Amino acid sequence: MLANPQAAAGPLRVNEAVCFSDAQGQLKASVEKAQRKLLAKAEPLLQPILESGEEVLYAVNAMTPYSVMEFLTTSWMITLVKSCLLVVTHRRILHLPITASQRLRGSISEIRYGDLQRITVEGALGKRLVVQYANGKKERFTLYGRGDAAKLGVLVAQVTPGVEPTGDPGRHFLCPRCARRLHQGEEQCPVCGFAFKTRQRALFWSVIAPGGGYFYTGHPGFGIMDALTETVLLVVLIVGIIGGLNGDAESWTMAGVMGVALALEKLLSVYHANHYVAEFLPAG
């Protein structure tokens, strides 16, 4: 077990024979070291969430599923924005988004084996964990590391999908304080009152301040780049308007182009901020 003296919930229940072994079932010091590091990072979120008797089997670094639009608007940086930890237990897989600096974002979601129709590790070059829910919907998590993918493949092959379904298949976010399942649109947990960042505030900061939506949702790198871009566009827009007012017709054209560009940049900021707050980021 991994102990955290500052947590009231006590140590995590870890199946060390499984967690600290490789895909062939051989205990390895290197695997144990890596797993202890990942679980120590995840422990603050896991302790209030794990159920009585639930055992942690393995943890891997991965990338959260993303849409084509998200990829097109973030390019290679999608790997930083969508980084996560997947913690496998004998009942479910827990999804913990993390920052580019490997810190927990504070949100957590679960995939119950009972809600699955199929779960596999697939891919010839890049390995992915593919989960298909009972309603037919699929999600694909990109996996990092050949060894982790092989080990995860062994574990999910032992999962029995469809056992004890919840009746609401899918990946569900949980309150990090009381573990209640959350529903989109909730701004706080109706049971314990834990508050989350909201779409309204994300929209407000995206519109009112350059890069504000990104800073609000905890993406400072994007926030700085967006702030610089919006500032340049705004300055050129103002220069164009001033030139137009002084009788320069071409300045109005420049101002119009810059105005459209600035509006598109704002819309992109709002789009991203809405996606980020949908992961129930803690308000504090």
Protein backbone atom coordinates (compact mmCIF):
# COMPACT_ATOMS: atom_id res chain seq x y z
CA MET A 1 0.00 0.00 0.00
CA LEU A 2 1.02 3.60 -0.61
CA ALA A 3 0.66 5.84 2.41
CA ASN A 4 -0.02 9.58 2.49
CA PRO A 5 0.14 10.94 6.05
CA GLN A 6 -1.76 14.10 5.10
CA ALA A 7 -4.82 12.25 3.79
CA ALA A 8 -7.60 11.17 6.10
CA ALA A 9 -8.81 8.38 3.85
CA GLY A 10 -5.74 6.23 4.51
CA PRO A 11 -3.41 4.47 2.07
CA LEU A 12 -4.40 3.29 -1.38
CA ARG A 13 -5.11 -0.40 -1.76
CA VAL A 14 -2.62 -1.52 -4.43
CA ASN A 15 -2.23 -5.04 -5.80
CA GLU A 16 1.55 -4.91 -5.83
CA ALA A 17 2.00 -8.29 -7.54
CA VAL A 18 0.11 -6.92 -10.56
CA CYS A 19 1.06 -3.26 -10.36
CA PHE A 20 4.82 -3.74 -10.03
CA SER A 21 5.21 -6.45 -12.69
CA ASP A 22 5.73 -6.24 -16.45
CA ALA A 23 3.48 -7.65 -19.18
CA GLN A 24 4.96 -11.11 -18.59
CA GLY A 25 4.10 -11.00 -14.89
CA GLN A 26 7.71 -10.56 -13.73
CA LEU A 27 8.27 -8.18 -10.82
CA LYS A 28 10.62 -5.40 -11.91
CA ALA A 29 12.24 -2.69 -9.80
CA SER A 30 11.97 -0.24 -12.70
CA VAL A 31 8.24 -0.89 -13.01
CA GLU A 32 7.74 -0.48 -9.26
CA LYS A 33 9.63 2.82 -9.26
CA ALA A 34 7.57 4.20 -12.16
CA GLN A 35 4.28 3.03 -10.67
CA ARG A 36 5.00 4.46 -7.23
CA LYS A 37 5.78 7.81 -8.85
CA LEU A 38 2.52 7.83 -10.85
CA LEU A 39 0.36 6.67 -7.95
CA ALA A 40 1.90 9.19 -5.56
CA LYS A 41 0.90 11.88 -8.04
CA ALA A 42 -2.63 10.51 -8.40
CA GLU A 43 -3.20 9.68 -4.73
CA PRO A 44 -4.80 12.98 -3.63
CA LEU A 45 -7.63 12.49 -6.13
CA LEU A 46 -7.89 8.73 -5.76
CA GLN A 47 -8.31 8.53 -2.00
CA PRO A 48 -11.81 10.07 -1.81
CA ILE A 49 -12.91 8.19 -4.95
CA LEU A 50 -11.83 4.58 -4.45
CA GLU A 51 -14.55 2.32 -3.11
CA SER A 52 -14.33 -0.10 -0.22
CA GLY A 53 -12.17 -3.05 -1.26
CA GLU A 54 -11.26 -1.54 -4.63
CA GLU A 55 -7.71 -2.41 -5.69
CA VAL A 56 -5.44 -0.39 -7.95
CA LEU A 57 -3.87 -2.62 -10.60
CA TYR A 58 -1.86 -0.25 -12.78
CA ALA A 59 -1.40 3.38 -13.85
CA VAL A 60 -0.32 4.69 -17.24
CA ASN A 61 0.33 8.03 -18.91
CA ALA A 62 -2.01 8.59 -21.84
CA MET A 63 -3.83 11.16 -23.92
CA THR A 64 -7.54 11.94 -23.55
CA PRO A 65 -9.72 11.42 -26.66
CA TYR A 66 -10.00 14.55 -28.80
CA SER A 67 -12.04 15.75 -31.78
CA VAL A 68 -10.77 16.58 -35.26
CA MET A 69 -11.54 20.25 -34.59
CA GLU A 70 -9.49 20.22 -31.38
CA PHE A 71 -6.55 18.72 -33.27
CA LEU A 72 -6.81 21.21 -36.14
CA THR A 73 -6.91 24.18 -33.77
CA THR A 74 -4.09 23.09 -31.44
CA SER A 75 -1.82 20.98 -33.71
CA TRP A 76 1.02 19.17 -31.89
CA MET A 77 0.21 20.95 -28.63
CA ILE A 78 -2.81 18.65 -28.28
CA THR A 79 -0.43 16.20 -26.59
CA LEU A 80 0.14 18.73 -23.79
CA VAL A 81 -3.47 19.86 -23.44
CA LYS A 82 -4.91 16.35 -23.39
CA SER A 83 -2.35 14.60 -21.16
CA CYS A 84 -3.87 12.34 -18.52
CA LEU A 85 -3.33 9.42 -16.19
CA LEU A 86 -5.37 6.24 -16.52
CA VAL A 87 -5.60 4.29 -13.27
CA VAL A 88 -6.83 0.73 -13.72
CA THR A 89 -8.64 -1.02 -10.88
CA HIS A 90 -10.47 -4.33 -10.84
CA ARG A 91 -13.83 -2.49 -11.19
CA ARG A 92 -13.18 0.42 -13.53
CA ILE A 93 -10.69 2.75 -15.18
CA LEU A 94 -10.23 6.18 -13.63
CA HIS A 95 -9.25 9.08 -15.89
CA LEU A 96 -7.28 11.97 -14.35
CA PRO A 97 -6.39 14.94 -16.62
CA ILE A 98 -2.96 16.43 -15.94
CA THR A 99 -1.12 19.58 -17.01
CA ALA A 100 1.94 19.83 -19.24
CA SER A 101 4.00 20.01 -16.04
CA GLN A 102 2.43 16.72 -14.87
CA ARG A 103 0.23 18.21 -12.16
CA LEU A 104 -3.34 17.08 -11.57
CA ARG A 105 -5.99 19.37 -13.02
CA GLY A 106 -8.33 18.29 -10.23
CA SER A 107 -11.03 16.55 -12.27
CA ILE A 108 -11.66 12.81 -12.45
CA SER A 109 -13.91 10.55 -14.53
CA GLU A 110 -14.64 6.82 -14.53
CA ILE A 111 -15.24 4.05 -17.04
CA ARG A 112 -17.14 1.16 -15.47
CA TYR A 113 -16.45 -2.27 -16.94
CA GLY A 114 -20.12 -3.09 -16.56
CA ASP A 115 -20.99 -0.29 -19.02
CA LEU A 116 -18.70 -1.62 -21.74
CA GLN A 117 -19.41 -3.72 -24.76
CA ARG A 118 -15.71 -4.11 -25.61
CA ILE A 119 -12.30 -2.92 -24.39
CA THR A 120 -9.01 -3.57 -26.19
CA VAL A 121 -5.53 -2.18 -26.82
CA GLU A 122 -5.09 -1.69 -30.57
CA GLY A 123 -2.68 -0.22 -33.11
CA ALA A 124 0.42 -1.29 -34.99
CA LEU A 125 2.48 1.88 -34.62
CA GLY A 126 0.76 4.03 -32.01
CA LYS A 127 -1.09 2.02 -29.38
CA ARG A 128 -4.53 3.09 -28.19
CA LEU A 129 -6.89 1.91 -25.52
CA VAL A 130 -10.24 1.54 -27.28
CA VAL A 131 -13.38 1.38 -25.16
CA GLN A 132 -16.79 0.74 -26.70
CA TYR A 133 -19.75 1.39 -24.45
CA ALA A 134 -23.00 -0.55 -24.36
CA ASN A 135 -24.70 2.24 -26.34
CA GLY A 136 -22.19 1.83 -29.20
CA LYS A 137 -20.15 4.97 -28.52
CA LYS A 138 -16.35 4.59 -28.70
CA GLU A 139 -13.48 6.44 -27.08
CA ARG A 140 -9.79 6.07 -27.90
CA PHE A 141 -7.00 6.92 -25.45
CA THR A 142 -3.52 7.25 -26.95
CA LEU A 143 -0.95 5.34 -24.89
CA TYR A 144 2.68 6.30 -24.29
CA GLY A 145 5.33 3.63 -23.98
CA ARG A 146 5.42 0.17 -25.54
CA GLY A 147 5.76 -1.53 -22.14
CA ASP A 148 2.74 0.25 -20.67
CA ALA A 149 0.63 -0.60 -23.72
CA ALA A 150 1.62 -4.27 -23.50
CA LYS A 151 0.84 -4.43 -19.79
CA LEU A 152 -2.48 -2.65 -20.24
CA GLY A 153 -3.36 -5.04 -23.06
CA VAL A 154 -2.89 -7.97 -20.69
CA LEU A 155 -5.05 -6.36 -18.00
CA VAL A 156 -7.98 -5.35 -20.21
CA ALA A 157 -8.03 -8.82 -21.77
CA GLN A 158 -9.12 -10.07 -18.34
CA VAL A 159 -11.99 -7.58 -18.07
CA THR A 160 -15.52 -8.95 -18.45
CA PRO A 161 -17.59 -6.22 -20.13
CA GLY A 162 -21.26 -5.92 -19.29
CA VAL A 163 -21.06 -7.27 -15.74
CA GLU A 164 -23.11 -5.13 -13.32
CA PRO A 165 -24.04 -2.31 -15.75
CA THR A 166 -25.02 1.04 -14.27
CA GLY A 167 -27.75 1.68 -16.85
CA ASP A 168 -26.02 4.88 -18.02
CA PRO A 169 -23.09 3.79 -20.21
CA GLY A 170 -20.29 6.22 -20.93
CA ARG A 171 -17.39 7.97 -19.24
CA HIS A 172 -18.72 9.97 -16.30
CA PHE A 173 -17.05 12.72 -14.30
CA LEU A 174 -17.11 12.41 -10.52
CA CYS A 175 -17.11 14.93 -7.72
CA PRO A 176 -13.53 14.86 -6.41
CA ARG A 177 -14.81 15.32 -2.87
CA CYS A 178 -17.73 12.87 -2.53
CA ALA A 179 -17.45 10.72 -5.72
CA ARG A 180 -21.01 11.47 -6.91
CA ARG A 181 -21.53 11.22 -10.67
CA LEU A 182 -21.81 14.66 -12.23
CA HIS A 183 -23.98 15.81 -15.13
CA GLN A 184 -23.08 18.42 -17.74
CA GLY A 185 -24.33 21.85 -16.77
CA GLU A 186 -23.90 21.38 -13.03
CA GLU A 187 -21.83 24.18 -11.55
CA GLN A 188 -21.44 22.51 -8.18
CA CYS A 189 -21.98 19.09 -6.68
CA PRO A 190 -25.59 18.92 -5.42
CA VAL A 191 -24.51 16.61 -2.59
CA CYS A 192 -21.43 18.27 -1.06
CA GLY A 193 -21.46 21.68 -2.73
CA PHE A 194 -18.02 21.34 -4.37
CA ALA A 195 -17.83 24.12 -6.99
CA PHE A 196 -16.55 23.91 -10.57
CA LYS A 197 -15.49 26.42 -13.19
CA THR A 198 -18.40 27.52 -15.38
CA ARG A 199 -19.11 28.16 -19.05
CA GLN A 200 -20.42 31.62 -18.20
CA ARG A 201 -17.17 32.72 -16.59
CA ALA A 202 -15.13 31.03 -19.33
CA LEU A 203 -17.12 33.02 -21.91
CA PHE A 204 -16.75 36.25 -19.93
CA TRP A 205 -12.98 36.00 -19.60
CA SER A 206 -12.53 34.79 -23.19
CA VAL A 207 -14.34 37.88 -24.49
CA ILE A 208 -13.22 40.53 -22.02
CA ALA A 209 -9.48 39.80 -21.73
CA PRO A 210 -6.87 38.64 -24.26
CA GLY A 211 -6.11 35.02 -23.37
CA GLY A 212 -8.51 35.26 -20.44
CA GLY A 213 -10.43 32.07 -21.21
CA TYR A 214 -7.24 30.01 -21.28
CA PHE A 215 -5.92 31.51 -18.05
CA TYR A 216 -9.28 30.86 -16.38
CA THR A 217 -9.26 27.18 -17.37
CA GLY A 218 -5.64 26.63 -16.31
CA HIS A 219 -3.88 26.70 -19.70
CA PRO A 220 -1.35 29.54 -19.26
CA GLY A 221 0.77 28.56 -22.29
CA PHE A 222 -2.19 28.97 -24.62
CA GLY A 223 -3.22 32.05 -22.66
CA ILE A 224 0.09 33.81 -23.32
CA MET A 225 0.06 32.96 -27.03
CA ASP A 226 -3.57 34.02 -27.38
CA ALA A 227 -2.96 37.25 -25.44
CA LEU A 228 -0.06 38.18 -27.73
CA THR A 229 -2.06 37.36 -30.87
CA GLU A 230 -5.15 39.26 -29.75
CA THR A 231 -3.08 42.27 -28.66
CA VAL A 232 -1.35 42.52 -32.04
CA LEU A 233 -4.67 42.17 -33.90
CA LEU A 234 -6.30 44.77 -31.66
CA VAL A 235 -3.45 47.28 -32.12
CA VAL A 236 -3.53 46.88 -35.91
CA LEU A 237 -7.34 47.19 -35.84
CA ILE A 238 -7.13 50.46 -33.91
CA VAL A 239 -4.43 51.80 -36.25
CA GLY A 240 -6.65 50.88 -39.21
CA ILE A 241 -9.67 52.64 -37.73
CA ILE A 242 -7.63 55.77 -37.00
CA GLY A 243 -6.26 55.74 -40.54
CA GLY A 244 -9.74 55.30 -41.95
CA LEU A 245 -11.08 58.20 -39.93
CA ASN A 246 -8.25 60.32 -41.38
CA GLY A 247 -9.42 59.57 -44.90
CA ASP A 248 -7.30 56.53 -45.86
CA ALA A 249 -9.66 54.07 -47.60
CA GLU A 250 -7.14 51.20 -47.47
CA SER A 251 -7.00 51.54 -43.69
CA TRP A 252 -10.68 50.63 -43.48
CA THR A 253 -9.95 47.46 -45.44
CA MET A 254 -7.12 46.60 -43.07
CA ALA A 255 -9.35 47.34 -40.09
CA GLY A 256 -12.06 45.07 -41.48
CA VAL A 257 -9.64 42.19 -42.00
CA MET A 258 -8.19 42.62 -38.51
CA GLY A 259 -11.67 42.83 -37.00
CA VAL A 260 -12.67 39.51 -38.60
CA ALA A 261 -9.38 37.92 -37.50
CA LEU A 262 -9.86 39.15 -33.94
CA ALA A 263 -13.45 37.83 -33.86
CA LEU A 264 -12.28 34.41 -35.10
CA GLU A 265 -9.54 34.35 -32.47
CA LYS A 266 -12.12 35.14 -29.78
CA LEU A 267 -14.44 32.42 -31.06
CA LEU A 268 -11.58 29.91 -30.98
CA SER A 269 -10.80 30.91 -27.40
CA VAL A 270 -14.45 30.44 -26.41
CA TYR A 271 -14.57 27.06 -28.18
CA HIS A 272 -11.53 25.76 -26.32
CA ALA A 273 -12.60 27.20 -22.95
CA ASN A 274 -16.01 25.50 -23.27
CA HIS A 275 -14.32 22.15 -23.90
CA TYR A 276 -12.01 22.58 -20.94
CA VAL A 277 -14.69 23.51 -18.39
CA ALA A 278 -16.72 20.50 -19.56
CA GLU A 279 -14.15 18.40 -17.65
CA PHE A 280 -15.44 19.80 -14.33
CA LEU A 281 -12.34 21.75 -13.33
CA PRO A 282 -12.43 22.75 -9.63
CA ALA A 283 -13.29 26.42 -9.10
CA GLY A 284 -10.76 26.87 -6.32
